[in-house]
Amino acid sequence: MHYSFPEDENLITFANLNKNTSLKLSIKDMRGINKEMQKLYEPNEKGMFKCLTNNQFIDFDKLNDDYCDCLDESDEPSTNACQFGKFYCSFQDKLLPNYHIPSSRVDDKICDCCDGSDEKPESKCMNTCDSLISKLKNQVKERNSESLSIPEKKKYSTNEMKVDENLYGPEGVFSKLKKKCYNISSSETLYKVCPYRKITQRRSKKKICIGRVPSLVKKNSNHWILKMNGGDNYHNKPRASEINLICGSTDEITSVQEPQKNFFVFSIKTPVACL
């Protein structure tokens, strides 16, 4: 078996001499991949693909072969083979980060992504992304006018004695999140996310803390990350999590990922992130 890698780091050539076949994949342009996870869709030194959320490895030529091999269904980002997989639309926006649809809707001749990236060109999908973003912005403005007026923002800060803006954001606006918990499941695991307090992972009857020490980081004007470190130890190393706080018209948790062993990334939409 022989593997050759061209100079373009986004283009991977996989050659299996035993099968006398060659597979070329443009990772940069491959449909349905979360852009933040493109590097994970590359073969290792043995020509294997590691499924994203577990330690399962499959032959790299099984990636996007229209058959669901990974137990976490991560090996078919561009097809509809996996019933519970996720297809990430090519269009992404700060109001639609991690914008995705169920993989089962890919190539069904119905345009689900606003840019039509879930369908083949012959489907002639219209690009409706501008109107979708406009609608979302109006929803956010309406929500903010109702629930996030300046007096109400001040209420959050005055209810906290000497609120730490480094931890709770401008005028302590993120302190509202301390009162909420969100539940989300992935495979056989249930996660309970209580921002600023504790994040737990439950599988079968075992409950593990994966973050309890908060710190707030500002990435850009509309992107804040709440780090939750200090989880239960695994081989003398504490588990840790991050929560992407995303501007949205309602409070909801939208995704969970484990890009590294015992490091978890959650995304929560909330009007308080629309600063």
C-alpha atoms as a PDB file:
ATOM      1  CA  MET A   1       0.000   0.000   0.000  1.00  0.00           C
ATOM      2  CA  HIS A   2       1.358   3.408  -0.972  1.00  0.00           C
ATOM      3  CA  TYR A   3       0.285   6.935  -0.055  1.00  0.00           C
ATOM      4  CA  SER A   4       1.421  10.076  -1.806  1.00  0.00           C
ATOM      5  CA  PHE A   5       0.732  13.606  -0.655  1.00  0.00           C
ATOM      6  CA  PRO A   6       0.896  16.523  -3.125  1.00  0.00           C
ATOM      7  CA  GLU A   7       2.224  19.974  -2.303  1.00  0.00           C
ATOM      8  CA  ASP A   8      -1.278  21.397  -1.903  1.00  0.00           C
ATOM      9  CA  GLU A   9      -2.084  20.532   1.700  1.00  0.00           C
ATOM     10  CA  ASN A  10      -5.815  20.681   0.945  1.00  0.00           C
ATOM     11  CA  LEU A  11      -5.551  17.949  -1.696  1.00  0.00           C
ATOM     12  CA  ILE A  12      -4.994  14.401  -0.487  1.00  0.00           C
ATOM     13  CA  THR A  13      -4.221  11.500  -2.791  1.00  0.00           C
ATOM     14  CA  PHE A  14      -4.925   8.001  -1.532  1.00  0.00           C
ATOM     15  CA  ALA A  15      -3.668   5.112  -3.628  1.00  0.00           C
ATOM     16  CA  ASN A  16      -4.391   1.515  -2.736  1.00  0.00           C
ATOM     17  CA  LEU A  17      -2.248  -0.678  -4.967  1.00  0.00           C
ATOM     18  CA  ASN A  18      -3.924  -3.852  -3.722  1.00  0.00           C
ATOM     19  CA  LYS A  19      -7.205  -2.668  -5.193  1.00  0.00           C
ATOM     20  CA  ASN A  20      -5.507  -0.870  -8.074  1.00  0.00           C
ATOM     21  CA  THR A  21      -7.613   2.193  -7.370  1.00  0.00           C
ATOM     22  CA  SER A  22      -6.907   5.814  -6.587  1.00  0.00           C
ATOM     23  CA  LEU A  23      -9.083   8.258  -4.670  1.00  0.00           C
ATOM     24  CA  LYS A  24      -8.534  11.998  -4.729  1.00  0.00           C
ATOM     25  CA  LEU A  25     -10.380  14.159  -2.254  1.00  0.00           C
ATOM     26  CA  SER A  26     -10.317  17.934  -2.035  1.00  0.00           C
ATOM     27  CA  ILE A  27     -10.730  18.399   1.693  1.00  0.00           C
ATOM     28  CA  LYS A  28     -11.133  22.148   1.276  1.00  0.00           C
ATOM     29  CA  ASP A  29     -14.063  21.767  -1.103  1.00  0.00           C
ATOM     30  CA  MET A  30     -15.621  18.521   0.146  1.00  0.00           C
ATOM     31  CA  ARG A  31     -19.334  19.017   0.801  1.00  0.00           C
ATOM     32  CA  GLY A  32     -20.840  18.774   4.240  1.00  0.00           C
ATOM     33  CA  ILE A  33     -17.738  19.144   6.439  1.00  0.00           C
ATOM     34  CA  ASN A  34     -17.648  21.544   9.358  1.00  0.00           C
ATOM     35  CA  LYS A  35     -14.950  24.005   8.250  1.00  0.00           C
ATOM     36  CA  GLU A  36     -13.440  24.023  11.733  1.00  0.00           C
ATOM     37  CA  MET A  37     -12.890  20.259  11.485  1.00  0.00           C
ATOM     38  CA  GLN A  38     -11.415  19.950   7.983  1.00  0.00           C
ATOM     39  CA  LYS A  39      -8.033  18.808   9.304  1.00  0.00           C
ATOM     40  CA  LEU A  40      -9.695  15.851  10.989  1.00  0.00           C
ATOM     41  CA  TYR A  41     -10.753  14.546   7.573  1.00  0.00           C
ATOM     42  CA  GLU A  42      -7.235  13.590   6.557  1.00  0.00           C
ATOM     43  CA  PRO A  43      -5.716  10.097   6.593  1.00  0.00           C
ATOM     44  CA  ASN A  44      -3.189   9.218   9.272  1.00  0.00           C
ATOM     45  CA  GLU A  45       0.222   7.765   8.491  1.00  0.00           C
ATOM     46  CA  LYS A  46      -1.379   4.341   8.002  1.00  0.00           C
ATOM     47  CA  GLY A  47      -3.954   5.637   5.545  1.00  0.00           C
ATOM     48  CA  MET A  48      -6.787   5.358   8.046  1.00  0.00           C
ATOM     49  CA  PHE A  49      -9.562   7.778   8.927  1.00  0.00           C
ATOM     50  CA  LYS A  50     -10.321   8.266  12.628  1.00  0.00           C
ATOM     51  CA  CYS A  51     -14.026   8.615  13.378  1.00  0.00           C
ATOM     52  CA  LEU A  52     -14.525  11.994  15.029  1.00  0.00           C
ATOM     53  CA  THR A  53     -15.964  11.145  18.453  1.00  0.00           C
ATOM     54  CA  ASN A  54     -14.505   7.736  19.257  1.00  0.00           C
ATOM     55  CA  ASN A  55     -11.365   5.675  18.719  1.00  0.00           C
ATOM     56  CA  GLN A  56     -12.696   3.768  15.721  1.00  0.00           C
ATOM     57  CA  PHE A  57     -10.519   3.726  12.595  1.00  0.00           C
ATOM     58  CA  ILE A  58     -11.626   2.810   9.075  1.00  0.00           C
ATOM     59  CA  ASP A  59      -9.819   2.588   5.729  1.00  0.00           C
ATOM     60  CA  PHE A  60      -9.600   6.066   4.230  1.00  0.00           C
ATOM     61  CA  ASP A  61     -11.157   4.895   0.963  1.00  0.00           C
ATOM     62  CA  LYS A  62     -14.379   4.200   2.899  1.00  0.00           C
ATOM     63  CA  LEU A  63     -14.832   7.929   3.474  1.00  0.00           C
ATOM     64  CA  ASN A  64     -17.908   9.116   1.533  1.00  0.00           C
ATOM     65  CA  ASP A  65     -18.434   5.709  -0.086  1.00  0.00           C
ATOM     66  CA  ASP A  66     -22.196   5.941   0.533  1.00  0.00           C
ATOM     67  CA  TYR A  67     -22.037   3.418   3.388  1.00  0.00           C
ATOM     68  CA  CYS A  68     -22.082   4.317   7.078  1.00  0.00           C
ATOM     69  CA  ASP A  69     -18.999   2.699   8.672  1.00  0.00           C
ATOM     70  CA  CYS A  70     -18.288   4.865  11.741  1.00  0.00           C
ATOM     71  CA  LEU A  71     -20.479   4.250  14.766  1.00  0.00           C
ATOM     72  CA  ASP A  72     -20.707   8.041  15.249  1.00  0.00           C
ATOM     73  CA  GLU A  73     -21.705   8.404  11.562  1.00  0.00           C
ATOM     74  CA  SER A  74     -18.913  10.894  10.829  1.00  0.00           C
ATOM     75  CA  ASP A  75     -17.456   9.112   7.771  1.00  0.00           C
ATOM     76  CA  GLU A  76     -20.216  10.228   5.368  1.00  0.00           C
ATOM     77  CA  PRO A  77     -20.239  14.046   5.542  1.00  0.00           C
ATOM     78  CA  SER A  78     -21.171  14.409   1.855  1.00  0.00           C
ATOM     79  CA  THR A  79     -23.781  11.662   1.434  1.00  0.00           C
ATOM     80  CA  ASN A  80     -27.142  10.646   2.907  1.00  0.00           C
ATOM     81  CA  ALA A  81     -25.930   7.184   3.971  1.00  0.00           C
ATOM     82  CA  CYS A  82     -25.976   7.887   7.725  1.00  0.00           C
ATOM     83  CA  GLN A  83     -29.419   8.281   9.242  1.00  0.00           C
ATOM     84  CA  PHE A  84     -28.338  10.548  12.104  1.00  0.00           C
ATOM     85  CA  GLY A  85     -25.342  12.253  10.445  1.00  0.00           C
ATOM     86  CA  LYS A  86     -24.909  15.996   9.953  1.00  0.00           C
ATOM     87  CA  PHE A  87     -24.352  17.821   6.667  1.00  0.00           C
ATOM     88  CA  TYR A  88     -22.794  21.263   7.193  1.00  0.00           C
ATOM     89  CA  CYS A  89     -24.043  23.734   4.589  1.00  0.00           C
ATOM     90  CA  SER A  90     -21.346  25.628   2.698  1.00  0.00           C
ATOM     91  CA  PHE A  91     -22.879  28.946   3.766  1.00  0.00           C
ATOM     92  CA  GLN A  92     -21.942  29.919   7.328  1.00  0.00           C
ATOM     93  CA  ASP A  93     -22.637  33.197   9.110  1.00  0.00           C
ATOM     94  CA  LYS A  94     -22.243  34.597  12.621  1.00  0.00           C
ATOM     95  CA  LEU A  95     -26.014  34.202  12.965  1.00  0.00           C
ATOM     96  CA  LEU A  96     -25.787  30.663  11.548  1.00  0.00           C
ATOM     97  CA  PRO A  97     -22.544  29.190  12.893  1.00  0.00           C
ATOM     98  CA  ASN A  98     -22.344  25.422  12.411  1.00  0.00           C
ATOM     99  CA  TYR A  99     -25.341  25.690  10.049  1.00  0.00           C
ATOM    100  CA  HIS A 100     -26.270  22.104   9.230  1.00  0.00           C
ATOM    101  CA  ILE A 101     -29.105  19.790   8.223  1.00  0.00           C
ATOM    102  CA  PRO A 102     -29.677  16.039   8.799  1.00  0.00           C
ATOM    103  CA  SER A 103     -27.625  13.977   6.346  1.00  0.00           C
ATOM    104  CA  SER A 104     -30.749  12.091   5.357  1.00  0.00           C
ATOM    105  CA  ARG A 105     -31.862  15.197   3.419  1.00  0.00           C
ATOM    106  CA  VAL A 106     -28.782  15.338   1.172  1.00  0.00           C
ATOM    107  CA  ASP A 107     -29.445  14.840  -2.546  1.00  0.00           C
ATOM    108  CA  ASP A 108     -33.179  14.303  -2.036  1.00  0.00           C
ATOM    109  CA  LYS A 109     -33.951  16.968  -4.701  1.00  0.00           C
ATOM    110  CA  ILE A 110     -35.250  19.336  -2.014  1.00  0.00           C
ATOM    111  CA  CYS A 111     -33.143  22.449  -1.339  1.00  0.00           C
ATOM    112  CA  ASP A 112     -32.665  22.547   2.440  1.00  0.00           C
ATOM    113  CA  CYS A 113     -29.484  24.634   2.762  1.00  0.00           C
ATOM    114  CA  CYS A 114     -30.162  28.255   1.869  1.00  0.00           C
ATOM    115  CA  ASP A 115     -27.308  28.100  -0.648  1.00  0.00           C
ATOM    116  CA  GLY A 116     -28.439  24.765  -2.083  1.00  0.00           C
ATOM    117  CA  SER A 117     -25.122  23.078  -1.236  1.00  0.00           C
ATOM    118  CA  ASP A 118     -26.977  19.938  -0.096  1.00  0.00           C
ATOM    119  CA  GLU A 119     -28.137  19.216  -3.655  1.00  0.00           C
ATOM    120  CA  LYS A 120     -26.458  18.535  -6.991  1.00  0.00           C
ATOM    121  CA  PRO A 121     -26.233  21.385  -9.562  1.00  0.00           C
ATOM    122  CA  GLU A 122     -28.987  19.892 -11.701  1.00  0.00           C
ATOM    123  CA  SER A 123     -31.467  20.598  -8.890  1.00  0.00           C
ATOM    124  CA  LYS A 124     -30.983  24.321  -9.640  1.00  0.00           C
ATOM    125  CA  CYS A 125     -31.485  25.479  -6.046  1.00  0.00           C
ATOM    126  CA  MET A 126     -32.021  29.198  -5.552  1.00  0.00           C
ATOM    127  CA  ASN A 127     -29.756  30.994  -3.091  1.00  0.00           C
ATOM    128  CA  THR A 128     -32.004  32.360  -0.336  1.00  0.00           C
ATOM    129  CA  CYS A 129     -29.274  33.057   2.240  1.00  0.00           C
ATOM    130  CA  ASP A 130     -29.620  36.853   2.146  1.00  0.00           C
ATOM    131  CA  SER A 131     -33.339  36.725   2.896  1.00  0.00           C
ATOM    132  CA  LEU A 132     -32.763  34.141   5.641  1.00  0.00           C
ATOM    133  CA  ILE A 133     -30.116  36.307   7.345  1.00  0.00           C
ATOM    134  CA  SER A 134     -32.356  39.359   7.028  1.00  0.00           C
ATOM    135  CA  LYS A 135     -35.179  37.446   8.702  1.00  0.00           C
ATOM    136  CA  LEU A 136     -32.915  36.273  11.528  1.00  0.00           C
ATOM    137  CA  LYS A 137     -31.611  39.793  12.133  1.00  0.00           C
ATOM    138  CA  ASN A 138     -35.165  41.090  12.427  1.00  0.00           C
ATOM    139  CA  GLN A 139     -36.003  38.323  14.891  1.00  0.00           C
ATOM    140  CA  VAL A 140     -32.952  39.195  16.988  1.00  0.00           C
ATOM    141  CA  LYS A 141     -33.862  42.891  16.989  1.00  0.00           C
ATOM    142  CA  GLU A 142     -37.422  42.105  18.068  1.00  0.00           C
ATOM    143  CA  ARG A 143     -36.186  39.774  20.777  1.00  0.00           C
ATOM    144  CA  ASN A 144     -33.650  42.293  22.030  1.00  0.00           C
ATOM    145  CA  SER A 145     -36.201  45.094  22.136  1.00  0.00           C
ATOM    146  CA  GLU A 146     -38.439  42.912  24.280  1.00  0.00           C
ATOM    147  CA  SER A 147     -35.979  41.259  26.632  1.00  0.00           C
ATOM    148  CA  LEU A 148     -32.589  42.938  26.387  1.00  0.00           C
ATOM    149  CA  SER A 149     -33.252  46.646  26.747  1.00  0.00           C
ATOM    150  CA  ILE A 150     -30.562  48.730  28.461  1.00  0.00           C
ATOM    151  CA  PRO A 151     -32.485  48.881  31.793  1.00  0.00           C
ATOM    152  CA  GLU A 152     -32.755  45.104  31.773  1.00  0.00           C
ATOM    153  CA  LYS A 153     -29.042  44.689  31.064  1.00  0.00           C
ATOM    154  CA  LYS A 154     -28.389  46.933  34.053  1.00  0.00           C
ATOM    155  CA  LYS A 155     -30.732  44.774  36.110  1.00  0.00           C
ATOM    156  CA  TYR A 156     -28.463  41.801  35.533  1.00  0.00           C
ATOM    157  CA  SER A 157     -25.441  43.727  36.767  1.00  0.00           C
ATOM    158  CA  THR A 158     -27.135  45.376  39.753  1.00  0.00           C
ATOM    159  CA  ASN A 159     -28.487  42.032  40.937  1.00  0.00           C
ATOM    160  CA  GLU A 160     -24.869  40.865  41.199  1.00  0.00           C
ATOM    161  CA  MET A 161     -22.801  42.659  43.823  1.00  0.00           C
ATOM    162  CA  LYS A 162     -19.794  44.209  42.047  1.00  0.00           C
ATOM    163  CA  VAL A 163     -20.180  41.970  39.018  1.00  0.00           C
ATOM    164  CA  ASP A 164     -16.908  40.974  37.367  1.00  0.00           C
ATOM    165  CA  GLU A 165     -17.204  42.135  33.741  1.00  0.00           C
ATOM    166  CA  ASN A 166     -14.119  40.104  32.819  1.00  0.00           C
ATOM    167  CA  LEU A 167     -16.111  37.006  33.740  1.00  0.00           C
ATOM    168  CA  TYR A 168     -19.681  38.031  32.878  1.00  0.00           C
ATOM    169  CA  GLY A 169     -19.135  40.382  29.944  1.00  0.00           C
ATOM    170  CA  PRO A 170     -20.140  44.052  29.503  1.00  0.00           C
ATOM    171  CA  GLU A 171     -22.486  45.159  32.282  1.00  0.00           C
ATOM    172  CA  GLY A 172     -22.584  41.545  33.483  1.00  0.00           C
ATOM    173  CA  VAL A 173     -24.981  40.579  30.684  1.00  0.00           C
ATOM    174  CA  PHE A 174     -23.898  36.910  30.657  1.00  0.00           C
ATOM    175  CA  SER A 175     -24.732  36.498  34.353  1.00  0.00           C
ATOM    176  CA  LYS A 176     -28.241  35.560  33.186  1.00  0.00           C
ATOM    177  CA  LEU A 177     -26.820  32.277  31.934  1.00  0.00           C
ATOM    178  CA  LYS A 178     -25.951  31.193  35.486  1.00  0.00           C
ATOM    179  CA  LYS A 179     -29.653  30.543  36.045  1.00  0.00           C
ATOM    180  CA  LYS A 180     -30.010  28.144  33.115  1.00  0.00           C
ATOM    181  CA  CYS A 181     -29.085  24.560  32.296  1.00  0.00           C
ATOM    182  CA  TYR A 182     -29.234  22.890  28.880  1.00  0.00           C
ATOM    183  CA  ASN A 183     -29.467  19.200  28.000  1.00  0.00           C
ATOM    184  CA  ILE A 184     -28.155  17.614  24.818  1.00  0.00           C
ATOM    185  CA  SER A 185     -27.450  14.010  23.880  1.00  0.00           C
ATOM    186  CA  SER A 186     -25.005  12.393  21.488  1.00  0.00           C
ATOM    187  CA  SER A 187     -25.026   8.654  20.789  1.00  0.00           C
ATOM    188  CA  GLU A 188     -25.557   7.087  24.234  1.00  0.00           C
ATOM    189  CA  THR A 189     -24.261  10.084  26.193  1.00  0.00           C
ATOM    190  CA  LEU A 190     -26.332  12.792  27.896  1.00  0.00           C
ATOM    191  CA  TYR A 191     -24.723  16.159  28.607  1.00  0.00           C
ATOM    192  CA  LYS A 192     -26.039  18.708  31.110  1.00  0.00           C
ATOM    193  CA  VAL A 193     -24.579  22.162  30.531  1.00  0.00           C
ATOM    194  CA  CYS A 194     -24.986  24.728  33.311  1.00  0.00           C
ATOM    195  CA  PRO A 195     -22.883  27.751  32.216  1.00  0.00           C
ATOM    196  CA  TYR A 196     -20.610  29.205  34.898  1.00  0.00           C
ATOM    197  CA  ARG A 197     -21.468  26.325  37.232  1.00  0.00           C
ATOM    198  CA  LYS A 198     -20.889  22.802  35.953  1.00  0.00           C
ATOM    199  CA  ILE A 199     -20.990  20.584  32.880  1.00  0.00           C
ATOM    200  CA  THR A 200     -21.588  16.865  33.294  1.00  0.00           C
ATOM    201  CA  GLN A 201     -21.547  13.837  31.048  1.00  0.00           C
ATOM    202  CA  ARG A 202     -23.713  10.808  31.814  1.00  0.00           C
ATOM    203  CA  ARG A 203     -23.311   7.460  30.107  1.00  0.00           C
ATOM    204  CA  SER A 204     -25.305   4.512  31.453  1.00  0.00           C
ATOM    205  CA  LYS A 205     -25.246   5.201  35.205  1.00  0.00           C
ATOM    206  CA  LYS A 206     -21.847   6.896  35.317  1.00  0.00           C
ATOM    207  CA  LYS A 207     -21.794  10.673  35.767  1.00  0.00           C
ATOM    208  CA  ILE A 208     -18.598  12.654  35.085  1.00  0.00           C
ATOM    209  CA  CYS A 209     -17.834  16.351  35.477  1.00  0.00           C
ATOM    210  CA  ILE A 210     -16.236  17.747  32.316  1.00  0.00           C
ATOM    211  CA  GLY A 211     -15.918  21.390  33.433  1.00  0.00           C
ATOM    212  CA  ARG A 212     -16.544  23.536  36.493  1.00  0.00           C
ATOM    213  CA  VAL A 213     -14.125  26.518  36.500  1.00  0.00           C
ATOM    214  CA  PRO A 214     -15.377  29.348  34.227  1.00  0.00           C
ATOM    215  CA  SER A 215     -13.454  31.983  32.273  1.00  0.00           C
ATOM    216  CA  LEU A 216     -14.799  34.213  29.482  1.00  0.00           C
ATOM    217  CA  VAL A 217     -12.935  34.890  26.224  1.00  0.00           C
ATOM    218  CA  LYS A 218     -13.968  37.345  23.496  1.00  0.00           C
ATOM    219  CA  LYS A 219     -13.083  36.127  19.984  1.00  0.00           C
ATOM    220  CA  ASN A 220     -14.688  38.979  18.025  1.00  0.00           C
ATOM    221  CA  SER A 221     -17.603  41.402  18.269  1.00  0.00           C
ATOM    222  CA  ASN A 222     -20.268  38.694  18.228  1.00  0.00           C
ATOM    223  CA  HIS A 223     -18.334  35.640  19.328  1.00  0.00           C
ATOM    224  CA  TRP A 224     -17.708  34.852  22.993  1.00  0.00           C
ATOM    225  CA  ILE A 225     -16.390  31.606  24.436  1.00  0.00           C
ATOM    226  CA  LEU A 226     -17.016  30.474  27.993  1.00  0.00           C
ATOM    227  CA  LYS A 227     -14.243  28.090  28.985  1.00  0.00           C
ATOM    228  CA  MET A 228     -15.128  25.536  31.659  1.00  0.00           C
ATOM    229  CA  ASN A 229     -11.969  23.893  32.961  1.00  0.00           C
ATOM    230  CA  GLY A 230     -11.223  21.793  36.033  1.00  0.00           C
ATOM    231  CA  GLY A 231     -13.339  18.736  35.243  1.00  0.00           C
ATOM    232  CA  ASP A 232     -12.780  15.278  36.730  1.00  0.00           C
ATOM    233  CA  ASN A 233      -9.336  13.847  36.038  1.00  0.00           C
ATOM    234  CA  TYR A 234      -8.591  11.292  33.342  1.00  0.00           C
ATOM    235  CA  HIS A 235      -5.078   9.833  33.655  1.00  0.00           C
ATOM    236  CA  ASN A 236      -4.094  12.760  35.904  1.00  0.00           C
ATOM    237  CA  LYS A 237      -5.332  15.339  33.386  1.00  0.00           C
ATOM    238  CA  PRO A 238      -8.539  17.295  34.085  1.00  0.00           C
ATOM    239  CA  ARG A 239     -11.322  17.199  31.529  1.00  0.00           C
ATOM    240  CA  ALA A 240     -12.322  20.551  30.027  1.00  0.00           C
ATOM    241  CA  SER A 241     -15.030  22.141  27.899  1.00  0.00           C
ATOM    242  CA  GLU A 242     -15.785  25.276  25.910  1.00  0.00           C
ATOM    243  CA  ILE A 243     -19.145  26.884  25.233  1.00  0.00           C
ATOM    244  CA  ASN A 244     -19.547  28.978  22.080  1.00  0.00           C
ATOM    245  CA  LEU A 245     -22.021  31.735  22.968  1.00  0.00           C
ATOM    246  CA  ILE A 246     -23.802  32.588  19.730  1.00  0.00           C
ATOM    247  CA  CYS A 247     -26.213  35.378  18.921  1.00  0.00           C
ATOM    248  CA  GLY A 248     -29.700  33.920  18.451  1.00  0.00           C
ATOM    249  CA  SER A 249     -33.329  34.838  18.935  1.00  0.00           C
ATOM    250  CA  THR A 250     -33.978  32.075  21.502  1.00  0.00           C
ATOM    251  CA  ASP A 251     -32.068  30.238  24.232  1.00  0.00           C
ATOM    252  CA  GLU A 252     -31.065  26.789  22.955  1.00  0.00           C
ATOM    253  CA  ILE A 253     -28.116  24.436  22.839  1.00  0.00           C
ATOM    254  CA  THR A 254     -27.382  23.406  19.253  1.00  0.00           C
ATOM    255  CA  SER A 255     -24.392  21.064  19.191  1.00  0.00           C
ATOM    256  CA  VAL A 256     -21.759  19.102  21.098  1.00  0.00           C
ATOM    257  CA  GLN A 257     -18.436  17.849  19.751  1.00  0.00           C
ATOM    258  CA  GLU A 258     -15.380  16.119  21.184  1.00  0.00           C
ATOM    259  CA  PRO A 259     -12.557  17.252  18.844  1.00  0.00           C
ATOM    260  CA  GLN A 260      -9.953  15.912  21.286  1.00  0.00           C
ATOM    261  CA  LYS A 261     -10.079  13.198  23.913  1.00  0.00           C
ATOM    262  CA  ASN A 262     -11.850  14.584  27.010  1.00  0.00           C
ATOM    263  CA  PHE A 263     -12.158  18.092  25.528  1.00  0.00           C
ATOM    264  CA  PHE A 264     -15.712  19.065  24.613  1.00  0.00           C
ATOM    265  CA  VAL A 265     -17.116  21.968  22.587  1.00  0.00           C
ATOM    266  CA  PHE A 266     -20.733  23.099  22.945  1.00  0.00           C
ATOM    267  CA  SER A 267     -22.654  25.784  21.042  1.00  0.00           C
ATOM    268  CA  ILE A 268     -25.447  27.730  22.732  1.00  0.00           C
ATOM    269  CA  LYS A 269     -27.609  30.298  20.987  1.00  0.00           C
ATOM    270  CA  THR A 270     -28.849  33.106  23.217  1.00  0.00           C
ATOM    271  CA  PRO A 271     -30.053  36.694  22.791  1.00  0.00           C
ATOM    272  CA  VAL A 272     -27.572  37.865  25.447  1.00  0.00           C
ATOM    273  CA  ALA A 273     -24.748  37.176  22.970  1.00  0.00           C
ATOM    274  CA  CYS A 274     -26.192  39.794  20.581  1.00  0.00           C
ATOM    275  CA  LEU A 275     -24.235  42.601  22.194  1.00  0.00           C
END
